[in-house]
Amino acid sequence: MGEHERLVVDYKLLESSKTNLRDIKKALKGIDKHRADIHDIWGHESIAGKMEQFVSNWDNYRRELLDNVEDLGKQVETALTSFEKLDLDLKNASEKKRGQKGGN
């Protein structure tokens, strides 16, 4: 097999992606805590009403975004775990094969 036909997995990238997605998930879940903090700064009732409508719409999109981030996080975790297992399996198979050759 030629050099260009190898699969190279960047474990650091997968690990940092997993961490970043976990942080994004945490931030998206924590946004609700700030809703009451900013309500007083909206001022006039018509502005407050529009902002409340905006926040309500944002909540819907945020939930959808959160679902997507969670799904992506699971996919990254699965890929990372699968590649690590495959690496270990290939290492063990290679060592077994070398052991069989050396024992003859």
N, C-alpha and C. Protein backbone atom coordinates (compact mmCIF):
# COMPACT_ATOMS: atom_id res chain seq x y z
N MET A 1 0.85 -1.17 0.00
CA MET A 1 0.00 0.00 0.00
C MET A 1 0.89 1.24 0.00
N GLY A 2 0.60 2.21 -0.86
CA GLY A 2 1.41 3.41 -0.97
C GLY A 2 1.15 4.39 0.16
N GLU A 3 2.05 5.32 0.34
CA GLU A 3 1.96 6.32 1.40
C GLU A 3 0.68 7.15 1.30
N HIS A 4 0.24 7.41 0.09
CA HIS A 4 -0.93 8.27 -0.10
C HIS A 4 -2.24 7.53 0.15
N GLU A 5 -2.18 6.24 0.36
CA GLU A 5 -3.39 5.47 0.58
C GLU A 5 -3.68 5.24 2.06
N ARG A 6 -2.90 5.80 2.94
CA ARG A 6 -3.07 5.61 4.37
C ARG A 6 -4.09 6.59 4.94
N LEU A 7 -4.80 6.11 5.92
CA LEU A 7 -5.72 6.97 6.65
C LEU A 7 -4.98 7.52 7.87
N VAL A 8 -4.96 8.82 7.99
CA VAL A 8 -4.29 9.46 9.12
C VAL A 8 -5.37 10.14 9.96
N VAL A 9 -5.44 9.75 11.23
CA VAL A 9 -6.44 10.30 12.13
C VAL A 9 -5.76 11.27 13.07
N ASP A 10 -6.28 12.49 13.12
CA ASP A 10 -5.74 13.52 14.01
C ASP A 10 -6.48 13.45 15.35
N TYR A 11 -5.91 12.68 16.28
CA TYR A 11 -6.55 12.48 17.59
C TYR A 11 -6.65 13.78 18.38
N LYS A 12 -5.64 14.64 18.25
CA LYS A 12 -5.69 15.92 18.97
C LYS A 12 -6.87 16.76 18.48
N LEU A 13 -7.10 16.74 17.18
CA LEU A 13 -8.23 17.49 16.63
C LEU A 13 -9.55 16.92 17.11
N LEU A 14 -9.67 15.60 17.12
CA LEU A 14 -10.90 14.98 17.60
C LEU A 14 -11.13 15.28 19.08
N GLU A 15 -10.08 15.20 19.88
CA GLU A 15 -10.19 15.51 21.31
C GLU A 15 -10.58 16.97 21.54
N SER A 16 -9.93 17.88 20.82
CA SER A 16 -10.25 19.30 21.02
C SER A 16 -11.66 19.61 20.50
N SER A 17 -12.07 18.94 19.43
CA SER A 17 -13.44 19.12 18.93
C SER A 17 -14.45 18.66 19.97
N LYS A 18 -14.17 17.52 20.59
CA LYS A 18 -15.05 16.99 21.63
C LYS A 18 -15.16 17.99 22.79
N THR A 19 -14.03 18.53 23.20
CA THR A 19 -14.00 19.51 24.30
C THR A 19 -14.74 20.79 23.91
N ASN A 20 -14.48 21.28 22.70
CA ASN A 20 -15.13 22.52 22.25
C ASN A 20 -16.65 22.34 22.14
N LEU A 21 -17.09 21.21 21.62
CA LEU A 21 -18.53 20.96 21.51
C LEU A 21 -19.17 20.86 22.89
N ARG A 22 -18.47 20.25 23.85
CA ARG A 22 -18.98 20.17 25.22
C ARG A 22 -19.11 21.58 25.80
N ASP A 23 -18.14 22.46 25.54
CA ASP A 23 -18.18 23.83 26.04
C ASP A 23 -19.31 24.63 25.39
N ILE A 24 -19.50 24.43 24.10
CA ILE A 24 -20.59 25.12 23.39
C ILE A 24 -21.94 24.66 23.95
N LYS A 25 -22.07 23.37 24.17
CA LYS A 25 -23.31 22.82 24.74
C LYS A 25 -23.60 23.45 26.10
N LYS A 26 -22.57 23.54 26.94
CA LYS A 26 -22.72 24.12 28.27
C LYS A 26 -23.14 25.59 28.16
N ALA A 27 -22.53 26.33 27.25
CA ALA A 27 -22.86 27.75 27.08
C ALA A 27 -24.29 27.93 26.59
N LEU A 28 -24.70 27.10 25.64
CA LEU A 28 -26.06 27.20 25.11
C LEU A 28 -27.10 26.86 26.17
N LYS A 29 -26.78 25.88 27.00
CA LYS A 29 -27.73 25.51 28.06
C LYS A 29 -27.81 26.59 29.13
N GLY A 30 -26.72 27.34 29.35
CA GLY A 30 -26.68 28.32 30.41
C GLY A 30 -27.23 29.69 30.05
N ILE A 31 -27.59 29.88 28.80
CA ILE A 31 -28.07 31.20 28.36
C ILE A 31 -29.36 31.60 29.06
N ASP A 32 -30.24 30.66 29.35
CA ASP A 32 -31.51 30.97 30.01
C ASP A 32 -31.32 31.72 31.32
N LYS A 33 -30.22 31.47 32.01
CA LYS A 33 -29.97 32.10 33.30
C LYS A 33 -29.85 33.62 33.18
N HIS A 34 -29.50 34.12 32.00
CA HIS A 34 -29.27 35.55 31.81
C HIS A 34 -30.52 36.29 31.33
N ARG A 35 -31.57 35.58 31.02
CA ARG A 35 -32.78 36.19 30.47
C ARG A 35 -33.34 37.24 31.43
N ALA A 36 -33.49 36.90 32.68
CA ALA A 36 -34.05 37.84 33.67
C ALA A 36 -33.12 39.01 33.92
N ASP A 37 -31.84 38.79 33.79
CA ASP A 37 -30.85 39.84 34.06
C ASP A 37 -31.00 41.02 33.11
N ILE A 38 -31.40 40.78 31.88
CA ILE A 38 -31.45 41.86 30.89
C ILE A 38 -32.85 42.42 30.65
N HIS A 39 -33.86 41.81 31.26
CA HIS A 39 -35.24 42.26 31.02
C HIS A 39 -35.42 43.72 31.41
N ASP A 40 -34.83 44.16 32.50
CA ASP A 40 -34.99 45.54 32.98
C ASP A 40 -34.37 46.58 32.05
N ILE A 41 -33.38 46.22 31.26
CA ILE A 41 -32.71 47.20 30.40
C ILE A 41 -33.46 47.45 29.10
N TRP A 42 -34.51 46.67 28.82
CA TRP A 42 -35.23 46.84 27.56
C TRP A 42 -36.04 48.13 27.52
N GLY A 43 -36.43 48.63 28.67
CA GLY A 43 -37.12 49.91 28.71
C GLY A 43 -38.59 49.84 28.34
N HIS A 44 -38.98 50.65 27.38
CA HIS A 44 -40.38 50.81 26.98
C HIS A 44 -41.02 49.46 26.68
N GLU A 45 -42.30 49.34 27.01
CA GLU A 45 -43.03 48.07 26.85
C GLU A 45 -43.04 47.57 25.40
N SER A 46 -43.13 48.47 24.42
CA SER A 46 -43.16 48.01 23.03
C SER A 46 -41.82 47.39 22.64
N ILE A 47 -40.75 47.98 23.13
CA ILE A 47 -39.41 47.42 22.88
C ILE A 47 -39.27 46.11 23.65
N ALA A 48 -39.72 46.12 24.90
CA ALA A 48 -39.63 44.91 25.72
C ALA A 48 -40.42 43.77 25.07
N GLY A 49 -41.57 44.09 24.50
CA GLY A 49 -42.39 43.07 23.83
C GLY A 49 -41.67 42.48 22.63
N LYS A 50 -41.07 43.34 21.83
CA LYS A 50 -40.33 42.86 20.65
C LYS A 50 -39.11 42.04 21.06
N MET A 51 -38.43 42.49 22.10
CA MET A 51 -37.27 41.74 22.57
C MET A 51 -37.69 40.38 23.12
N GLU A 52 -38.83 40.36 23.81
CA GLU A 52 -39.33 39.08 24.33
C GLU A 52 -39.66 38.13 23.18
N GLN A 53 -40.22 38.67 22.11
CA GLN A 53 -40.51 37.86 20.92
C GLN A 53 -39.21 37.34 20.30
N PHE A 54 -38.22 38.21 20.21
CA PHE A 54 -36.93 37.81 19.68
C PHE A 54 -36.31 36.70 20.54
N VAL A 55 -36.34 36.89 21.85
CA VAL A 55 -35.75 35.91 22.76
C VAL A 55 -36.49 34.58 22.64
N SER A 56 -37.80 34.64 22.51
CA SER A 56 -38.58 33.41 22.35
C SER A 56 -38.21 32.68 21.07
N ASN A 57 -38.06 33.42 19.97
CA ASN A 57 -37.63 32.80 18.71
C ASN A 57 -36.21 32.24 18.85
N TRP A 58 -35.35 32.99 19.51
CA TRP A 58 -33.97 32.54 19.72
C TRP A 58 -33.96 31.25 20.53
N ASP A 59 -34.86 31.15 21.53
CA ASP A 59 -34.93 29.93 22.33
C ASP A 59 -35.21 28.71 21.45
N ASN A 60 -36.11 28.88 20.49
CA ASN A 60 -36.42 27.76 19.58
C ASN A 60 -35.21 27.38 18.74
N TYR A 61 -34.55 28.37 18.17
CA TYR A 61 -33.36 28.10 17.35
C TYR A 61 -32.21 27.57 18.20
N ARG A 62 -32.11 28.08 19.40
CA ARG A 62 -31.06 27.62 20.32
C ARG A 62 -31.26 26.14 20.66
N ARG A 63 -32.50 25.73 20.90
CA ARG A 63 -32.77 24.32 21.19
C ARG A 63 -32.39 23.45 19.99
N GLU A 64 -32.71 23.91 18.79
CA GLU A 64 -32.34 23.17 17.58
C GLU A 64 -30.82 23.11 17.44
N LEU A 65 -30.16 24.23 17.67
CA LEU A 65 -28.70 24.27 17.61
C LEU A 65 -28.09 23.36 18.67
N LEU A 66 -28.65 23.38 19.86
CA LEU A 66 -28.17 22.53 20.95
C LEU A 66 -28.30 21.05 20.57
N ASP A 67 -29.43 20.68 19.99
CA ASP A 67 -29.61 19.30 19.52
C ASP A 67 -28.54 18.92 18.51
N ASN A 68 -28.26 19.81 17.57
CA ASN A 68 -27.25 19.54 16.55
C ASN A 68 -25.85 19.43 17.16
N VAL A 69 -25.54 20.29 18.12
CA VAL A 69 -24.24 20.25 18.79
C VAL A 69 -24.11 18.94 19.57
N GLU A 70 -25.18 18.52 20.25
CA GLU A 70 -25.15 17.26 20.99
C GLU A 70 -24.94 16.08 20.04
N ASP A 71 -25.66 16.07 18.92
CA ASP A 71 -25.50 14.99 17.93
C ASP A 71 -24.07 14.95 17.39
N LEU A 72 -23.55 16.11 17.05
CA LEU A 72 -22.18 16.17 16.52
C LEU A 72 -21.18 15.70 17.57
N GLY A 73 -21.40 16.09 18.81
CA GLY A 73 -20.53 15.64 19.89
C GLY A 73 -20.52 14.13 20.03
N LYS A 74 -21.70 13.52 19.91
CA LYS A 74 -21.79 12.06 19.97
C LYS A 74 -21.06 11.41 18.80
N GLN A 75 -21.18 12.01 17.62
CA GLN A 75 -20.50 11.47 16.44
C GLN A 75 -18.99 11.57 16.58
N VAL A 76 -18.51 12.68 17.11
CA VAL A 76 -17.06 12.85 17.32
C VAL A 76 -16.58 11.83 18.35
N GLU A 77 -17.33 11.67 19.43
CA GLU A 77 -16.97 10.70 20.46
C GLU A 77 -16.93 9.28 19.88
N THR A 78 -17.92 8.93 19.07
CA THR A 78 -17.96 7.60 18.44
C THR A 78 -16.78 7.41 17.51
N ALA A 79 -16.48 8.43 16.70
CA ALA A 79 -15.34 8.34 15.78
C ALA A 79 -14.04 8.16 16.55
N LEU A 80 -13.86 8.94 17.58
CA LEU A 80 -12.64 8.87 18.39
C LEU A 80 -12.49 7.48 19.01
N THR A 81 -13.53 7.00 19.63
CA THR A 81 -13.51 5.68 20.26
C THR A 81 -13.26 4.58 19.23
N SER A 82 -13.91 4.68 18.09
CA SER A 82 -13.76 3.66 17.04
C SER A 82 -12.34 3.65 16.48
N PHE A 83 -11.77 4.82 16.23
CA PHE A 83 -10.41 4.88 15.71
C PHE A 83 -9.40 4.37 16.74
N GLU A 84 -9.61 4.71 18.01
CA GLU A 84 -8.70 4.22 19.05
C GLU A 84 -8.76 2.69 19.15
N LYS A 85 -9.96 2.14 19.08
CA LYS A 85 -10.11 0.68 19.13
C LYS A 85 -9.47 0.04 17.90
N LEU A 86 -9.69 0.63 16.74
CA LEU A 86 -9.10 0.10 15.51
C LEU A 86 -7.58 0.13 15.58
N ASP A 87 -7.02 1.23 16.07
CA ASP A 87 -5.56 1.32 16.24
C ASP A 87 -5.04 0.21 17.15
N LEU A 88 -5.73 0.00 18.26
CA LEU A 88 -5.31 -1.03 19.20
C LEU A 88 -5.44 -2.42 18.57
N ASP A 89 -6.53 -2.67 17.87
CA ASP A 89 -6.72 -3.96 17.20
C ASP A 89 -5.63 -4.21 16.16
N LEU A 90 -5.31 -3.17 15.38
CA LEU A 90 -4.26 -3.31 14.36
C LEU A 90 -2.90 -3.55 15.01
N LYS A 91 -2.64 -2.85 16.11
CA LYS A 91 -1.37 -3.04 16.84
C LYS A 91 -1.27 -4.48 17.35
N ASN A 92 -2.33 -4.95 17.97
CA ASN A 92 -2.34 -6.31 18.51
C ASN A 92 -2.19 -7.35 17.40
N ALA A 93 -2.87 -7.16 16.28
CA ALA A 93 -2.76 -8.09 15.15
C ALA A 93 -1.34 -8.09 14.59
N SER A 94 -0.74 -6.91 14.51
CA SER A 94 0.63 -6.80 13.99
C SER A 94 1.62 -7.50 14.93
N GLU A 95 1.46 -7.28 16.23
CA GLU A 95 2.34 -7.93 17.20
C GLU A 95 2.17 -9.45 17.19
N LYS A 96 0.92 -9.89 17.03
CA LYS A 96 0.66 -11.33 16.96
C LYS A 96 1.32 -11.94 15.72
N LYS A 97 1.20 -11.23 14.61
CA LYS A 97 1.78 -11.71 13.35
C LYS A 97 3.31 -11.77 13.46
N ARG A 98 3.91 -10.73 14.08
CA ARG A 98 5.36 -10.73 14.28
C ARG A 98 5.79 -11.86 15.20
N GLY A 99 4.99 -12.12 16.22
CA GLY A 99 5.30 -13.19 17.16
C GLY A 99 5.24 -14.55 16.49
N GLN A 100 4.31 -14.72 15.58
CA GLN A 100 4.19 -16.00 14.88
C GLN A 100 5.36 -16.20 13.92
N LYS A 101 5.79 -15.15 13.28
CA LYS A 101 6.95 -15.23 12.37
C LYS A 101 8.22 -15.51 13.14
N GLY A 102 8.38 -14.87 14.30
CA GLY A 102 9.60 -15.03 15.09
C GLY A 102 9.67 -16.39 15.76
N GLY A 103 8.51 -17.01 16.01
CA GLY A 103 8.49 -18.29 16.69
C GLY A 103 8.77 -19.46 15.79
N ASN A 104 8.80 -19.27 14.48
CA ASN A 104 9.03 -20.38 13.53
C ASN A 104 10.47 -20.63 13.30
